[in-house]
Amino acid sequence: MGGREGACRAERIRKADAGSVVQRLSGATTTTRAGSTNTEYAAAVPFGGQMAKDVLRLDHLSVVYPATPQGAAVTALNDVNLSLQPDEFVVVLGASGCGKTTLLNVMAGFIKPTTGQVLLHGNPIEGPGKDRGVVFQKHALLPWLNVVENTEFGLKMQGYGQAERRDVARANLELIGLTDFEQHPVYQLSGGMQQRVGLARALTSNPEILLMDEPLGALDAFTRESMQELILKVWDRTHKIVFFITHSVEEALFMATRLILMSPRPGRITHQYDLDFCRRFFELGDARRIKSDPNFIKMREEILSIIYGEEFEELGA
């Protein structure tokens, strides 16, 4: 289903602040496309091994919002180091106010870091670009345009002719299952459908990286789960790099190939986990089976204990 191969079943936990690597090895039964099963025992690639080349890299990044008449300066991010590599689905999780959206805004080129640098293919990011598509918390669609007009809007601003941009927009609407609604005003759509239009619009400029700022937070539980599966299928079809923000631990574990935990403000990366639950979803085709798996539940509780522990430390500080 989409051509991604199953990853190793090792979970590599990287303590970002200490630079150490801890590996957990466990046998995992994988159902192949032919229906046979194989039990795999494998270790993740350690630091210093052959790794994919970074597409986007943050080096010692800090962001400080200046003081205002109403309050002191705020350090949103402190000494963040992070890289995005081809074919990754990176999910960021952390308490409210930990700097997740600030981190995304730096990658998008909406704001500049106070110190450090952000590089795309080795070149400094100076501002927004079509190589990075953004899906916002709110769909940010233009209410006076219909679905296909919203979807093609970015290409229109780039000067593409109507026929060319309409073909691209329609292809992306087909990808997200909204072909039958292309002429509808966006205000007639449900919240989930509006977010799908926002996703199609971000894809239409064919970005290398999709930056998604908690796009499912306002949806009901049923729609949210359906959208999780849709976004994973789009990722599988398009092979974009995805950087995804959420407050849901279950959502993060289900969707991520790499999960990043951030500390309360000032935001720092405290833990990174390489995960394969989304790839198991492609193999099994049953999201609830993945989310009810004992290993998934165990990992969920471990992540929750880390987040709650950091929040309690912050409150007691």
C-alpha atoms as a PDB file:
ATOM      1  CA  MET A   1       0.000   0.000   0.000  1.00  0.00           C
ATOM      2  CA  GLY A   2       2.168   2.845  -1.259  1.00  0.00           C
ATOM      3  CA  GLY A   3       5.536   1.116  -1.467  1.00  0.00           C
ATOM      4  CA  ARG A   4       7.150   1.913   1.867  1.00  0.00           C
ATOM      5  CA  GLU A   5       9.146  -0.986   3.247  1.00  0.00           C
ATOM      6  CA  GLY A   6       8.826  -2.038   6.884  1.00  0.00           C
ATOM      7  CA  ALA A   7      11.442  -0.515   9.147  1.00  0.00           C
ATOM      8  CA  CYS A   8      13.350  -2.339  11.847  1.00  0.00           C
ATOM      9  CA  ARG A   9      11.398  -3.017  15.012  1.00  0.00           C
ATOM     10  CA  ALA A  10      14.007  -1.524  17.293  1.00  0.00           C
ATOM     11  CA  GLU A  11      13.027   1.653  19.052  1.00  0.00           C
ATOM     12  CA  ARG A  12      15.982   3.954  19.286  1.00  0.00           C
ATOM     13  CA  ILE A  13      15.740   6.534  22.026  1.00  0.00           C
ATOM     14  CA  ARG A  14      18.130   9.391  21.624  1.00  0.00           C
ATOM     15  CA  LYS A  15      18.719  11.590  24.617  1.00  0.00           C
ATOM     16  CA  ALA A  16      19.279  14.797  22.721  1.00  0.00           C
ATOM     17  CA  ASP A  17      20.756  16.787  25.554  1.00  0.00           C
ATOM     18  CA  ALA A  18      23.233  14.078  26.550  1.00  0.00           C
ATOM     19  CA  GLY A  19      24.024  12.891  23.023  1.00  0.00           C
ATOM     20  CA  SER A  20      23.760   9.251  24.082  1.00  0.00           C
ATOM     21  CA  VAL A  21      21.906   6.448  22.363  1.00  0.00           C
ATOM     22  CA  VAL A  22      19.810   3.820  24.123  1.00  0.00           C
ATOM     23  CA  GLN A  23      18.373   1.001  22.040  1.00  0.00           C
ATOM     24  CA  ARG A  24      15.462  -1.270  22.881  1.00  0.00           C
ATOM     25  CA  LEU A  25      15.368  -4.500  20.962  1.00  0.00           C
ATOM     26  CA  SER A  26      12.277  -6.640  20.771  1.00  0.00           C
ATOM     27  CA  GLY A  27      11.065  -9.325  18.399  1.00  0.00           C
ATOM     28  CA  ALA A  28       8.266  -8.114  16.158  1.00  0.00           C
ATOM     29  CA  THR A  29       6.103 -10.146  13.848  1.00  0.00           C
ATOM     30  CA  THR A  30       5.647  -8.498  10.477  1.00  0.00           C
ATOM     31  CA  THR A  31       3.033  -9.499   7.922  1.00  0.00           C
ATOM     32  CA  THR A  32       4.541  -9.254   4.459  1.00  0.00           C
ATOM     33  CA  ARG A  33       2.589  -8.390   1.305  1.00  0.00           C
ATOM     34  CA  ALA A  34       2.574 -12.054   0.399  1.00  0.00           C
ATOM     35  CA  GLY A  35       0.967 -12.904   3.734  1.00  0.00           C
ATOM     36  CA  SER A  36       3.930 -14.690   5.331  1.00  0.00           C
ATOM     37  CA  THR A  37       5.373 -13.662   8.671  1.00  0.00           C
ATOM     38  CA  ASN A  38       8.910 -12.910   9.689  1.00  0.00           C
ATOM     39  CA  THR A  39      10.281 -12.259  13.145  1.00  0.00           C
ATOM     40  CA  GLU A  40      12.904  -9.548  13.027  1.00  0.00           C
ATOM     41  CA  TYR A  41      15.567  -8.665  15.554  1.00  0.00           C
ATOM     42  CA  ALA A  42      17.485  -5.592  14.514  1.00  0.00           C
ATOM     43  CA  ALA A  43      19.292  -2.624  15.991  1.00  0.00           C
ATOM     44  CA  ALA A  44      18.869   0.952  14.883  1.00  0.00           C
ATOM     45  CA  VAL A  45      21.750   2.714  13.172  1.00  0.00           C
ATOM     46  CA  PRO A  46      23.942   4.248  15.886  1.00  0.00           C
ATOM     47  CA  PHE A  47      25.405   7.711  15.746  1.00  0.00           C
ATOM     48  CA  GLY A  48      28.376   7.709  13.425  1.00  0.00           C
ATOM     49  CA  GLY A  49      26.768   5.166  11.088  1.00  0.00           C
ATOM     50  CA  GLN A  50      25.690   5.866   7.513  1.00  0.00           C
ATOM     51  CA  MET A  51      22.704   8.219   7.681  1.00  0.00           C
ATOM     52  CA  ALA A  52      20.629  10.006   5.078  1.00  0.00           C
ATOM     53  CA  LYS A  53      21.705  13.521   4.146  1.00  0.00           C
ATOM     54  CA  ASP A  54      19.954  16.328   6.000  1.00  0.00           C
ATOM     55  CA  VAL A  55      17.437  18.301   3.959  1.00  0.00           C
ATOM     56  CA  LEU A  56      16.715  20.897   6.647  1.00  0.00           C
ATOM     57  CA  ARG A  57      18.916  21.513   9.673  1.00  0.00           C
ATOM     58  CA  LEU A  58      18.668  23.695  12.743  1.00  0.00           C
ATOM     59  CA  ASP A  59      21.978  24.494  14.451  1.00  0.00           C
ATOM     60  CA  HIS A  60      22.004  25.863  18.018  1.00  0.00           C
ATOM     61  CA  LEU A  61      18.764  27.698  17.362  1.00  0.00           C
ATOM     62  CA  SER A  62      17.344  30.109  19.917  1.00  0.00           C
ATOM     63  CA  VAL A  63      14.418  32.497  19.653  1.00  0.00           C
ATOM     64  CA  VAL A  64      13.840  35.313  22.133  1.00  0.00           C
ATOM     65  CA  TYR A  65      10.769  37.511  21.815  1.00  0.00           C
ATOM     66  CA  PRO A  66      11.701  41.038  22.898  1.00  0.00           C
ATOM     67  CA  ALA A  67      10.287  42.737  25.949  1.00  0.00           C
ATOM     68  CA  THR A  68       7.111  44.768  25.622  1.00  0.00           C
ATOM     69  CA  PRO A  69       5.538  47.419  27.854  1.00  0.00           C
ATOM     70  CA  GLN A  70       3.394  44.618  29.241  1.00  0.00           C
ATOM     71  CA  GLY A  71       6.157  42.162  30.079  1.00  0.00           C
ATOM     72  CA  ALA A  72       9.763  40.978  29.983  1.00  0.00           C
ATOM     73  CA  ALA A  73      11.506  39.278  27.097  1.00  0.00           C
ATOM     74  CA  VAL A  74      10.483  35.626  26.526  1.00  0.00           C
ATOM     75  CA  THR A  75      12.905  32.883  25.491  1.00  0.00           C
ATOM     76  CA  ALA A  76      10.744  30.605  23.356  1.00  0.00           C
ATOM     77  CA  LEU A  77      13.492  28.256  22.120  1.00  0.00           C
ATOM     78  CA  ASN A  78      16.917  27.584  23.587  1.00  0.00           C
ATOM     79  CA  ASP A  79      19.786  25.877  21.739  1.00  0.00           C
ATOM     80  CA  VAL A  80      17.698  23.594  19.524  1.00  0.00           C
ATOM     81  CA  ASN A  81      19.510  21.204  17.185  1.00  0.00           C
ATOM     82  CA  LEU A  82      17.405  19.232  14.727  1.00  0.00           C
ATOM     83  CA  SER A  83      17.578  17.801  11.224  1.00  0.00           C
ATOM     84  CA  LEU A  84      14.905  16.607   8.787  1.00  0.00           C
ATOM     85  CA  GLN A  85      15.817  13.851   6.375  1.00  0.00           C
ATOM     86  CA  PRO A  86      14.146  12.445   3.256  1.00  0.00           C
ATOM     87  CA  ASP A  87      10.939  10.464   3.684  1.00  0.00           C
ATOM     88  CA  GLU A  88      10.556  11.293   7.383  1.00  0.00           C
ATOM     89  CA  PHE A  89       7.334  12.039   9.237  1.00  0.00           C
ATOM     90  CA  VAL A  90       8.569  14.020  12.230  1.00  0.00           C
ATOM     91  CA  VAL A  91       6.077  14.788  14.999  1.00  0.00           C
ATOM     92  CA  VAL A  92       6.724  17.312  17.776  1.00  0.00           C
ATOM     93  CA  LEU A  93       5.024  16.924  21.125  1.00  0.00           C
ATOM     94  CA  GLY A  94       5.190  19.038  24.242  1.00  0.00           C
ATOM     95  CA  ALA A  95       3.260  21.130  26.715  1.00  0.00           C
ATOM     96  CA  SER A  96       1.437  24.232  25.552  1.00  0.00           C
ATOM     97  CA  GLY A  97       3.830  27.164  25.258  1.00  0.00           C
ATOM     98  CA  CYS A  98       6.954  25.059  24.793  1.00  0.00           C
ATOM     99  CA  GLY A  99       7.832  26.656  21.457  1.00  0.00           C
ATOM    100  CA  LYS A 100       6.498  24.108  18.960  1.00  0.00           C
ATOM    101  CA  THR A 101       4.797  26.669  16.739  1.00  0.00           C
ATOM    102  CA  THR A 102       7.775  29.017  17.024  1.00  0.00           C
ATOM    103  CA  LEU A 103       9.967  26.177  15.778  1.00  0.00           C
ATOM    104  CA  LEU A 104       7.680  25.602  12.801  1.00  0.00           C
ATOM    105  CA  ASN A 105       7.536  29.333  12.039  1.00  0.00           C
ATOM    106  CA  VAL A 106      11.332  29.476  11.903  1.00  0.00           C
ATOM    107  CA  MET A 107      11.390  26.561   9.447  1.00  0.00           C
ATOM    108  CA  ALA A 108       8.698  28.235   7.352  1.00  0.00           C
ATOM    109  CA  GLY A 109      10.712  31.460   7.249  1.00  0.00           C
ATOM    110  CA  PHE A 110       8.011  33.480   9.003  1.00  0.00           C
ATOM    111  CA  ILE A 111      10.369  34.538  11.787  1.00  0.00           C
ATOM    112  CA  LYS A 112      14.154  34.671  12.093  1.00  0.00           C
ATOM    113  CA  PRO A 113      16.111  33.027  14.896  1.00  0.00           C
ATOM    114  CA  THR A 114      17.744  35.199  17.523  1.00  0.00           C
ATOM    115  CA  THR A 115      20.850  33.016  17.474  1.00  0.00           C
ATOM    116  CA  GLY A 116      21.840  29.944  15.492  1.00  0.00           C
ATOM    117  CA  GLN A 117      20.849  29.123  11.949  1.00  0.00           C
ATOM    118  CA  VAL A 118      18.307  27.190   9.906  1.00  0.00           C
ATOM    119  CA  LEU A 119      19.575  25.650   6.675  1.00  0.00           C
ATOM    120  CA  LEU A 120      17.736  24.110   3.717  1.00  0.00           C
ATOM    121  CA  HIS A 121      20.098  21.993   1.617  1.00  0.00           C
ATOM    122  CA  GLY A 122      22.937  23.879   3.288  1.00  0.00           C
ATOM    123  CA  ASN A 123      21.591  27.344   2.432  1.00  0.00           C
ATOM    124  CA  PRO A 124      20.193  29.754   5.051  1.00  0.00           C
ATOM    125  CA  ILE A 125      16.425  30.182   5.032  1.00  0.00           C
ATOM    126  CA  GLU A 126      15.732  33.870   4.524  1.00  0.00           C
ATOM    127  CA  GLY A 127      11.932  33.764   4.295  1.00  0.00           C
ATOM    128  CA  PRO A 128       8.955  31.707   3.104  1.00  0.00           C
ATOM    129  CA  GLY A 129       9.379  29.644  -0.058  1.00  0.00           C
ATOM    130  CA  LYS A 130       7.426  27.244  -2.250  1.00  0.00           C
ATOM    131  CA  ASP A 131       9.754  24.439  -1.157  1.00  0.00           C
ATOM    132  CA  ARG A 132       7.936  24.504   2.227  1.00  0.00           C
ATOM    133  CA  GLY A 133       4.158  24.169   2.364  1.00  0.00           C
ATOM    134  CA  VAL A 134       2.302  25.126   5.551  1.00  0.00           C
ATOM    135  CA  VAL A 135      -0.974  23.719   6.895  1.00  0.00           C
ATOM    136  CA  PHE A 136      -2.201  25.930   9.719  1.00  0.00           C
ATOM    137  CA  GLN A 137      -4.175  25.203  12.901  1.00  0.00           C
ATOM    138  CA  LYS A 138      -7.104  26.934  11.228  1.00  0.00           C
ATOM    139  CA  HIS A 139      -7.611  26.221   7.561  1.00  0.00           C
ATOM    140  CA  ALA A 140      -6.994  29.888   6.525  1.00  0.00           C
ATOM    141  CA  LEU A 141      -9.024  29.433   3.335  1.00  0.00           C
ATOM    142  CA  LEU A 142     -10.365  32.415   1.396  1.00  0.00           C
ATOM    143  CA  PRO A 143     -14.154  32.387   1.853  1.00  0.00           C
ATOM    144  CA  TRP A 144     -14.913  34.219  -1.416  1.00  0.00           C
ATOM    145  CA  LEU A 145     -13.204  31.457  -3.449  1.00  0.00           C
ATOM    146  CA  ASN A 146     -14.520  27.958  -4.044  1.00  0.00           C
ATOM    147  CA  VAL A 147     -12.630  24.746  -3.271  1.00  0.00           C
ATOM    148  CA  VAL A 148     -10.605  24.452  -6.475  1.00  0.00           C
ATOM    149  CA  GLU A 149      -9.860  28.188  -6.538  1.00  0.00           C
ATOM    150  CA  ASN A 150      -8.496  27.999  -2.986  1.00  0.00           C
ATOM    151  CA  THR A 151      -6.460  24.940  -3.894  1.00  0.00           C
ATOM    152  CA  GLU A 152      -4.818  26.584  -6.913  1.00  0.00           C
ATOM    153  CA  PHE A 153      -4.321  29.985  -5.253  1.00  0.00           C
ATOM    154  CA  GLY A 154      -0.591  29.555  -4.600  1.00  0.00           C
ATOM    155  CA  LEU A 155       0.095  28.725  -8.230  1.00  0.00           C
ATOM    156  CA  LYS A 156      -1.984  31.719  -9.314  1.00  0.00           C
ATOM    157  CA  MET A 157       0.212  33.973  -7.187  1.00  0.00           C
ATOM    158  CA  GLN A 158       3.271  32.407  -8.858  1.00  0.00           C
ATOM    159  CA  GLY A 159       1.933  33.367 -12.302  1.00  0.00           C
ATOM    160  CA  TYR A 160       0.837  29.981 -13.636  1.00  0.00           C
ATOM    161  CA  GLY A 161      -1.896  29.958 -16.252  1.00  0.00           C
ATOM    162  CA  GLN A 162      -5.384  28.842 -15.304  1.00  0.00           C
ATOM    163  CA  ALA A 163      -5.361  25.572 -17.234  1.00  0.00           C
ATOM    164  CA  GLU A 164      -2.052  24.434 -15.779  1.00  0.00           C
ATOM    165  CA  ARG A 165      -2.837  25.364 -12.192  1.00  0.00           C
ATOM    166  CA  ARG A 166      -6.351  23.899 -12.436  1.00  0.00           C
ATOM    167  CA  ASP A 167      -4.949  20.519 -13.533  1.00  0.00           C
ATOM    168  CA  VAL A 168      -2.568  20.454 -10.571  1.00  0.00           C
ATOM    169  CA  ALA A 169      -5.276  21.531  -8.131  1.00  0.00           C
ATOM    170  CA  ARG A 170      -7.684  18.870  -9.377  1.00  0.00           C
ATOM    171  CA  ALA A 171      -5.046  16.169  -9.046  1.00  0.00           C
ATOM    172  CA  ASN A 172      -4.495  17.123  -5.396  1.00  0.00           C
ATOM    173  CA  LEU A 173      -8.234  17.312  -4.697  1.00  0.00           C
ATOM    174  CA  GLU A 174      -8.509  13.784  -6.075  1.00  0.00           C
ATOM    175  CA  LEU A 175      -5.666  12.718  -3.782  1.00  0.00           C
ATOM    176  CA  ILE A 176      -7.537  13.934  -0.695  1.00  0.00           C
ATOM    177  CA  GLY A 177     -10.951  12.744  -1.876  1.00  0.00           C
ATOM    178  CA  LEU A 178     -12.688  16.042  -2.662  1.00  0.00           C
ATOM    179  CA  THR A 179     -13.090  15.882  -6.440  1.00  0.00           C
ATOM    180  CA  ASP A 180     -16.876  16.105  -6.170  1.00  0.00           C
ATOM    181  CA  PHE A 181     -16.676  19.331  -4.148  1.00  0.00           C
ATOM    182  CA  GLU A 182     -14.307  21.425  -6.273  1.00  0.00           C
ATOM    183  CA  GLN A 183     -16.977  24.018  -7.153  1.00  0.00           C
ATOM    184  CA  HIS A 184     -18.419  24.313  -3.638  1.00  0.00           C
ATOM    185  CA  PRO A 185     -17.879  27.436  -1.515  1.00  0.00           C
ATOM    186  CA  VAL A 186     -15.550  26.512   1.338  1.00  0.00           C
ATOM    187  CA  TYR A 187     -18.020  27.747   3.953  1.00  0.00           C
ATOM    188  CA  GLN A 188     -20.346  24.898   2.944  1.00  0.00           C
ATOM    189  CA  LEU A 189     -17.765  22.281   3.962  1.00  0.00           C
ATOM    190  CA  SER A 190     -17.328  20.565   7.304  1.00  0.00           C
ATOM    191  CA  GLY A 191     -14.274  21.321   9.432  1.00  0.00           C
ATOM    192  CA  GLY A 192     -12.546  18.136   8.340  1.00  0.00           C
ATOM    193  CA  MET A 193     -13.195  18.866   4.669  1.00  0.00           C
ATOM    194  CA  GLN A 194     -11.881  22.403   5.050  1.00  0.00           C
ATOM    195  CA  GLN A 195      -8.661  21.053   6.534  1.00  0.00           C
ATOM    196  CA  ARG A 196      -8.395  18.668   3.588  1.00  0.00           C
ATOM    197  CA  VAL A 197      -8.632  21.649   1.239  1.00  0.00           C
ATOM    198  CA  GLY A 198      -5.874  23.325   3.244  1.00  0.00           C
ATOM    199  CA  LEU A 199      -3.740  20.206   2.776  1.00  0.00           C
ATOM    200  CA  ALA A 200      -4.456  20.111  -0.981  1.00  0.00           C
ATOM    201  CA  ARG A 201      -3.526  23.797  -1.261  1.00  0.00           C
ATOM    202  CA  ALA A 202      -0.208  23.177   0.520  1.00  0.00           C
ATOM    203  CA  LEU A 203       0.543  20.273  -1.842  1.00  0.00           C
ATOM    204  CA  THR A 204      -0.260  22.204  -5.002  1.00  0.00           C
ATOM    205  CA  SER A 205       3.052  24.087  -5.038  1.00  0.00           C
ATOM    206  CA  ASN A 206       4.802  20.689  -4.774  1.00  0.00           C
ATOM    207  CA  PRO A 207       6.843  21.531  -1.664  1.00  0.00           C
ATOM    208  CA  GLU A 208       9.643  19.302  -0.492  1.00  0.00           C
ATOM    209  CA  ILE A 209       8.575  19.755   3.139  1.00  0.00           C
ATOM    210  CA  LEU A 210       5.076  19.970   4.629  1.00  0.00           C
ATOM    211  CA  LEU A 211       4.892  21.944   7.873  1.00  0.00           C
ATOM    212  CA  MET A 212       1.673  21.130   9.751  1.00  0.00           C
ATOM    213  CA  ASP A 213       0.806  23.169  12.839  1.00  0.00           C
ATOM    214  CA  GLU A 214      -1.671  21.093  14.859  1.00  0.00           C
ATOM    215  CA  PRO A 215      -4.043  20.783  11.879  1.00  0.00           C
ATOM    216  CA  LEU A 216      -6.399  18.292  13.553  1.00  0.00           C
ATOM    217  CA  GLY A 217      -6.837  19.893  16.967  1.00  0.00           C
ATOM    218  CA  ALA A 218     -10.282  21.399  16.295  1.00  0.00           C
ATOM    219  CA  LEU A 219     -11.841  18.250  14.806  1.00  0.00           C
ATOM    220  CA  ASP A 220     -14.149  15.757  16.490  1.00  0.00           C
ATOM    221  CA  ALA A 221     -12.641  12.413  17.485  1.00  0.00           C
ATOM    222  CA  PHE A 222     -14.025  10.390  14.572  1.00  0.00           C
ATOM    223  CA  THR A 223     -13.007  12.950  11.933  1.00  0.00           C
ATOM    224  CA  ARG A 224      -9.610  13.351  13.570  1.00  0.00           C
ATOM    225  CA  GLU A 225      -8.827   9.645  13.288  1.00  0.00           C
ATOM    226  CA  SER A 226      -9.959   9.587   9.656  1.00  0.00           C
ATOM    227  CA  MET A 227      -7.737  12.584   8.924  1.00  0.00           C
ATOM    228  CA  GLN A 228      -4.749  10.908  10.579  1.00  0.00           C
ATOM    229  CA  GLU A 229      -5.083   8.009   8.155  1.00  0.00           C
ATOM    230  CA  LEU A 230      -5.605  10.315   5.175  1.00  0.00           C
ATOM    231  CA  ILE A 231      -2.504  12.381   5.974  1.00  0.00           C
ATOM    232  CA  LEU A 232      -0.411   9.223   6.315  1.00  0.00           C
ATOM    233  CA  LYS A 233      -1.681   7.969   2.960  1.00  0.00           C
ATOM    234  CA  VAL A 234      -0.874  11.311   1.324  1.00  0.00           C
ATOM    235  CA  TRP A 235       2.625  11.146   2.832  1.00  0.00           C
ATOM    236  CA  ASP A 236       2.995   7.600   1.531  1.00  0.00           C
ATOM    237  CA  ARG A 237       1.915   8.639  -1.976  1.00  0.00           C
ATOM    238  CA  THR A 238       3.882  11.878  -2.249  1.00  0.00           C
ATOM    239  CA  HIS A 239       7.038  11.088  -0.236  1.00  0.00           C
ATOM    240  CA  LYS A 240       7.131  14.564   1.243  1.00  0.00           C
ATOM    241  CA  ILE A 241       9.017  15.277   4.443  1.00  0.00           C
ATOM    242  CA  VAL A 242       6.386  16.096   7.072  1.00  0.00           C
ATOM    243  CA  PHE A 243       6.945  18.152  10.231  1.00  0.00           C
ATOM    244  CA  PHE A 244       3.791  17.821  12.319  1.00  0.00           C
ATOM    245  CA  ILE A 245       2.801  19.468  15.620  1.00  0.00           C
ATOM    246  CA  THR A 246       0.238  17.942  17.960  1.00  0.00           C
ATOM    247  CA  HIS A 247      -0.810  17.852  21.610  1.00  0.00           C
ATOM    248  CA  SER A 248      -2.116  14.278  21.306  1.00  0.00           C
ATOM    249  CA  VAL A 249       0.277  11.566  22.456  1.00  0.00           C
ATOM    250  CA  GLU A 250      -1.712   8.849  20.685  1.00  0.00           C
ATOM    251  CA  GLU A 251      -1.740  10.831  17.439  1.00  0.00           C
ATOM    252  CA  ALA A 252       1.992  11.465  17.700  1.00  0.00           C
ATOM    253  CA  LEU A 253       2.852   7.801  18.251  1.00  0.00           C
ATOM    254  CA  PHE A 254       0.564   6.615  15.462  1.00  0.00           C
ATOM    255  CA  MET A 255       1.826   9.013  12.799  1.00  0.00           C
ATOM    256  CA  ALA A 256       5.518   9.598  13.506  1.00  0.00           C
ATOM    257  CA  THR A 257       8.553   7.914  12.075  1.00  0.00           C
ATOM    258  CA  ARG A 258      10.425  10.144  14.518  1.00  0.00           C
ATOM    259  CA  LEU A 259       8.900  11.644  17.650  1.00  0.00           C
ATOM    260  CA  ILE A 260      10.425  14.695  19.305  1.00  0.00           C
ATOM    261  CA  LEU A 261       9.602  15.754  22.866  1.00  0.00           C
ATOM    262  CA  MET A 262      10.141  19.342  23.935  1.00  0.00           C
ATOM    263  CA  SER A 263      10.562  20.746  27.419  1.00  0.00           C
ATOM    264  CA  PRO A 264       8.392  23.508  28.871  1.00  0.00           C
ATOM    265  CA  ARG A 265       9.578  27.026  28.016  1.00  0.00           C
ATOM    266  CA  PRO A 266      12.266  27.734  27.123  1.00  0.00           C
ATOM    267  CA  GLY A 267      11.753  24.991  24.583  1.00  0.00           C
ATOM    268  CA  ARG A 268      14.491  22.419  24.194  1.00  0.00           C
ATOM    269  CA  ILE A 269      14.497  18.989  22.587  1.00  0.00           C
ATOM    270  CA  THR A 270      14.767  16.504  25.446  1.00  0.00           C
ATOM    271  CA  HIS A 271      13.975  13.154  23.797  1.00  0.00           C
ATOM    272  CA  GLN A 272      13.757  11.677  20.294  1.00  0.00           C
ATOM    273  CA  TYR A 273      12.220   8.319  19.405  1.00  0.00           C
ATOM    274  CA  ASP A 274      12.363   6.452  16.115  1.00  0.00           C
ATOM    275  CA  LEU A 275       8.992   4.715  15.653  1.00  0.00           C
ATOM    276  CA  ASP A 276       7.370   2.382  13.150  1.00  0.00           C
ATOM    277  CA  PHE A 277       3.685   2.277  14.161  1.00  0.00           C
ATOM    278  CA  CYS A 278       2.671   4.188  11.019  1.00  0.00           C
ATOM    279  CA  ARG A 279       4.472   1.699   8.800  1.00  0.00           C
ATOM    280  CA  ARG A 280       2.737  -1.141  10.600  1.00  0.00           C
ATOM    281  CA  PHE A 281      -0.531   0.622   9.786  1.00  0.00           C
ATOM    282  CA  PHE A 282       0.365   0.412   6.084  1.00  0.00           C
ATOM    283  CA  GLU A 283       1.038  -3.296   6.501  1.00  0.00           C
ATOM    284  CA  LEU A 284      -2.080  -4.138   8.520  1.00  0.00           C
ATOM    285  CA  GLY A 285      -4.541  -1.459   7.363  1.00  0.00           C
ATOM    286  CA  ASP A 286      -6.183  -1.285  10.803  1.00  0.00           C
ATOM    287  CA  ALA A 287      -5.472   1.810  12.897  1.00  0.00           C
ATOM    288  CA  ARG A 288      -7.370   0.593  15.971  1.00  0.00           C
ATOM    289  CA  ARG A 289      -5.363  -2.620  15.978  1.00  0.00           C
ATOM    290  CA  ILE A 290      -2.179  -0.557  16.061  1.00  0.00           C
ATOM    291  CA  LYS A 291      -3.397   1.779  18.801  1.00  0.00           C
ATOM    292  CA  SER A 292      -4.584  -1.088  21.006  1.00  0.00           C
ATOM    293  CA  ASP A 293      -1.327  -3.015  20.683  1.00  0.00           C
ATOM    294  CA  PRO A 294       0.387  -3.495  24.090  1.00  0.00           C
ATOM    295  CA  ASN A 295       3.636  -1.992  22.785  1.00  0.00           C
ATOM    296  CA  PHE A 296       1.762   1.107  21.608  1.00  0.00           C
ATOM    297  CA  ILE A 297       0.028   1.480  24.981  1.00  0.00           C
ATOM    298  CA  LYS A 298       3.292   0.990  26.865  1.00  0.00           C
ATOM    299  CA  MET A 299       4.999   3.664  24.770  1.00  0.00           C
ATOM    300  CA  ARG A 300       2.046   6.018  25.228  1.00  0.00           C
ATOM    301  CA  GLU A 301       2.271   5.740  29.007  1.00  0.00           C
ATOM    302  CA  GLU A 302       6.028   6.267  28.931  1.00  0.00           C
ATOM    303  CA  ILE A 303       5.664   9.453  26.891  1.00  0.00           C
ATOM    304  CA  LEU A 304       2.893  10.735  29.152  1.00  0.00           C
ATOM    305  CA  SER A 305       5.026  10.147  32.239  1.00  0.00           C
ATOM    306  CA  ILE A 306       7.868  12.166  30.701  1.00  0.00           C
ATOM    307  CA  ILE A 307       5.608  15.063  29.725  1.00  0.00           C
ATOM    308  CA  TYR A 308       3.789  15.175  33.055  1.00  0.00           C
ATOM    309  CA  GLY A 309       7.077  14.879  34.927  1.00  0.00           C
ATOM    310  CA  GLU A 310       8.518  17.857  33.068  1.00  0.00           C
ATOM    311  CA  GLU A 311       5.367  19.898  33.681  1.00  0.00           C
ATOM    312  CA  PHE A 312       5.446  19.137  37.414  1.00  0.00           C
ATOM    313  CA  GLU A 313       9.124  20.117  37.553  1.00  0.00           C
ATOM    314  CA  GLU A 314       8.246  23.405  35.840  1.00  0.00           C
ATOM    315  CA  LEU A 315       5.449  24.109  38.304  1.00  0.00           C
ATOM    316  CA  GLY A 316       7.734  23.365  41.229  1.00  0.00           C
ATOM    317  CA  ALA A 317      10.576  25.498  39.937  1.00  0.00           C
END
